[in-house]
Each structure stands twice: as structure tokens, then as C-alpha cells.
C-alpha atoms as a PDB file:
ATOM      1  CA  MET A   1       0.667  -2.901  39.346  1.00  0.00           C
ATOM      2  CA  ILE A   2       3.177  -4.172  36.792  1.00  0.00           C
ATOM      3  CA  TYR A   3       0.409  -6.346  35.164  1.00  0.00           C
ATOM      4  CA  ARG A   4      -1.735  -3.270  34.674  1.00  0.00           C
ATOM      5  CA  GLU A   5       1.159  -1.305  33.061  1.00  0.00           C
ATOM      6  CA  ILE A   6       1.867  -4.196  30.702  1.00  0.00           C
ATOM      7  CA  LEU A   7      -1.780  -4.426  29.807  1.00  0.00           C
ATOM      8  CA  GLU A   8      -2.071  -0.666  29.155  1.00  0.00           C
ATOM      9  CA  GLU A   9       1.085  -0.698  27.065  1.00  0.00           C
ATOM     10  CA  GLY A  10      -0.268  -3.636  25.034  1.00  0.00           C
ATOM     11  CA  GLU A  11      -3.532  -1.801  24.502  1.00  0.00           C
ATOM     12  CA  GLN A  12      -1.721   1.298  23.239  1.00  0.00           C
ATOM     13  CA  ILE A  13       0.362  -0.779  20.795  1.00  0.00           C
ATOM     14  CA  GLY A  14      -2.807  -2.446  19.554  1.00  0.00           C
ATOM     15  CA  ILE A  15      -4.471   0.965  19.021  1.00  0.00           C
ATOM     16  CA  GLN A  16      -1.451   2.283  17.102  1.00  0.00           C
ATOM     17  CA  ILE A  17      -1.319  -0.790  14.909  1.00  0.00           C
ATOM     18  CA  GLY A  18      -5.032  -0.506  14.173  1.00  0.00           C
ATOM     19  CA  GLU A  19      -4.717   3.163  13.298  1.00  0.00           C
ATOM     20  CA  GLN A  20      -1.773   2.482  10.946  1.00  0.00           C
ATOM     21  CA  ARG A  21      -3.657  -0.355   9.232  1.00  0.00           C
ATOM     22  CA  GLY A  22      -6.745   1.839   8.818  1.00  0.00           C
ATOM     23  CA  GLU A  23      -4.668   4.693   7.420  1.00  0.00           C
ATOM     24  CA  LYS A  24      -2.967   2.362   4.928  1.00  0.00           C
ATOM     25  CA  HIS A  25      -6.279   0.841   3.925  1.00  0.00           C
ATOM     26  CA  GLY A  26      -7.769   4.235   3.240  1.00  0.00           C
ATOM     27  CA  ARG A  27      -4.832   5.450   1.246  1.00  0.00           C
ATOM     28  CA  LEU A  28      -4.760   2.227  -0.769  1.00  0.00           C
ATOM     29  CA  ALA A  29      -8.430   2.529  -1.556  1.00  0.00           C
ATOM     30  CA  ILE A  30      -8.000   6.071  -2.837  1.00  0.00           C
ATOM     31  CA  VAL A  31      -5.049   5.063  -5.074  1.00  0.00           C
ATOM     32  CA  GLN A  32      -6.935   2.134  -6.445  1.00  0.00           C
ATOM     33  CA  ARG A  33      -9.952   4.284  -7.180  1.00  0.00           C
ATOM     34  CA  GLN A  34      -7.798   6.808  -8.991  1.00  0.00           C
ATOM     35  CA  LEU A  35      -6.073   4.143 -11.044  1.00  0.00           C
ATOM     36  CA  ARG A  36      -9.373   2.447 -12.007  1.00  0.00           C
ATOM     37  CA  ARG A  37     -10.783   5.763 -13.108  1.00  0.00           C
ATOM     38  CA  GLN A  38      -7.709   6.497 -15.192  1.00  0.00           C
ATOM     39  CA  PHE A  39      -7.008   2.992 -16.653  1.00  0.00           C
ATOM     40  CA  GLY A  40     -10.085   0.840 -16.015  1.00  0.00           C
ATOM     41  CA  ILE A  41      -9.633  -2.654 -14.682  1.00  0.00           C
ATOM     42  CA  ILE A  42      -6.413  -3.187 -12.683  1.00  0.00           C
ATOM     43  CA  PRO A  43      -4.898  -6.676 -13.005  1.00  0.00           C
ATOM     44  CA  ALA A  44      -4.930  -8.790  -9.792  1.00  0.00           C
ATOM     45  CA  GLU A  45      -1.120  -8.981  -9.802  1.00  0.00           C
ATOM     46  CA  THR A  46      -0.906  -5.209  -9.831  1.00  0.00           C
ATOM     47  CA  LEU A  47      -3.507  -4.902  -7.002  1.00  0.00           C
ATOM     48  CA  GLU A  48      -1.348  -7.295  -4.973  1.00  0.00           C
ATOM     49  CA  ARG A  49       1.710  -5.141  -5.571  1.00  0.00           C
ATOM     50  CA  LEU A  50      -0.208  -2.008  -4.527  1.00  0.00           C
ATOM     51  CA  SER A  51      -1.363  -3.712  -1.336  1.00  0.00           C
ATOM     52  CA  ALA A  52       2.273  -4.414  -0.340  1.00  0.00           C
ATOM     53  CA  LEU A  53       3.310  -0.748  -0.636  1.00  0.00           C
ATOM     54  CA  SER A  54       4.206   1.181   2.537  1.00  0.00           C
ATOM     55  CA  LEU A  55       2.381   4.353   3.526  1.00  0.00           C
ATOM     56  CA  PRO A  56       5.226   6.583   2.191  1.00  0.00           C
ATOM     57  CA  ASP A  57       5.182   4.707  -1.059  1.00  0.00           C
ATOM     58  CA  LEU A  58       1.393   5.036  -1.391  1.00  0.00           C
ATOM     59  CA  ASP A  59       1.768   8.785  -0.836  1.00  0.00           C
ATOM     60  CA  GLN A  60       4.424   8.952  -3.519  1.00  0.00           C
ATOM     61  CA  LEU A  61       2.303   6.894  -5.893  1.00  0.00           C
ATOM     62  CA  SER A  62      -0.787   9.087  -5.291  1.00  0.00           C
ATOM     63  CA  GLU A  63       1.234  12.061  -6.672  1.00  0.00           C
ATOM     64  CA  ALA A  64       3.123  10.126  -9.372  1.00  0.00           C
ATOM     65  CA  LEU A  65       0.007   8.605 -10.922  1.00  0.00           C
ATOM     66  CA  LEU A  66      -1.089  12.111 -11.922  1.00  0.00           C
ATOM     67  CA  ASP A  67       1.575  12.023 -14.555  1.00  0.00           C
ATOM     68  CA  PHE A  68       0.918   8.437 -15.743  1.00  0.00           C
ATOM     69  CA  HIS A  69      -0.288   8.055 -19.349  1.00  0.00           C
ATOM     70  CA  SER A  70      -0.622   4.298 -19.468  1.00  0.00           C
ATOM     71  CA  MET A  71      -0.649   1.185 -17.348  1.00  0.00           C
ATOM     72  CA  GLU A  72       2.973   0.712 -18.335  1.00  0.00           C
ATOM     73  CA  ASP A  73       3.869   3.854 -16.384  1.00  0.00           C
ATOM     74  CA  LEU A  74       2.336   2.264 -13.285  1.00  0.00           C
ATOM     75  CA  ILE A  75       4.166  -0.981 -13.870  1.00  0.00           C
ATOM     76  CA  HIS A  76       7.426   0.863 -14.347  1.00  0.00           C
ATOM     77  CA  TRP A  77       6.798   2.821 -11.089  1.00  0.00           C
ATOM     78  CA  LEU A  78       6.071  -0.383  -9.189  1.00  0.00           C
ATOM     79  CA  LYS A  79       9.303  -1.981 -10.448  1.00  0.00           C
ATOM     80  CA  GLU A  80      11.257   0.950  -9.086  1.00  0.00           C
ATOM     81  CA  HIS A  81       9.463   0.764  -5.724  1.00  0.00           C
ATOM     82  CA  ARG A  82       9.445  -2.993  -5.323  1.00  0.00           C
ATOM     83  CA  PRO A  83       9.103  -4.260  -1.737  1.00  0.00           C
ATOM     84  CA  SER A  84      11.076  -7.231  -0.494  1.00  0.00           C
ATOM     85  CA  PRO A  85      11.533  -9.743  -3.343  1.00  0.00           C
ATOM     86  CA  ALA A  86      10.352 -12.565  -1.074  1.00  0.00           C
ATOM     87  CA  LEU A  87       6.872 -11.055  -0.971  1.00  0.00           C
ATOM     88  CA  PHE A  88       6.428 -11.371  -4.747  1.00  0.00           C
ATOM     89  CA  SER A  89       8.368 -14.376  -5.889  1.00  0.00           C
ATOM     90  CA  ARG A  90       5.487 -15.382  -8.204  1.00  0.00           C
ATOM     91  CA  TRP A  91       4.870 -11.912  -9.627  1.00  0.00           C
ATOM     92  CA  GLN A  92       6.359 -11.597 -13.023  1.00  0.00           C
ATOM     93  CA  PRO A  93       5.994  -8.274 -14.823  1.00  0.00           C
END
């Protein structure tokens, strides 16, 4: 009985993680499409920074980018919403 409960709990956690990853992937794809349409090619370093954003940050960015006039606006926004420095030790703006 305990084994079954542990298995079911593990399955639920796996489902939740998968849903969160899928939601983040979808939001990230939309933000990247919007940025490409507005600014053209997005540098690889910037795409890496975008990929590290949390869901709430992606939501904020999706609204903020409507007011961006240049790639510099995006870079500035990313500097203000920088994730853990350890994730981007090689990224130099």
C-alpha cells in the first residue's frame, strides 16, 4: 500500500514538473518570436539569458518588450532581472 502511494505521488510530481516545463517553453517561444519580429536576429548570449528566466519574469518581459525601442532596452531589462550570477559567469554584456 505504501509503495503504491509513493508511486502515485511521484507520478503527480512528474506531471507537475512536465506541465511547468511545457508552460515555460511556450512562453519563452512567444517572447523570442516577438523579439525576433521587433529586432531581427537575437544574439546567442541573449537567447541563453532568456532561457534562464522564470515564468514570472517571462510574463513581465512579454509586457515590457512592448515598450522597447532597441536591443539595448532588452539588454538593460535583462541586467535588472538577472538570475543567479553562477548561471552566467561567462556572459558579459
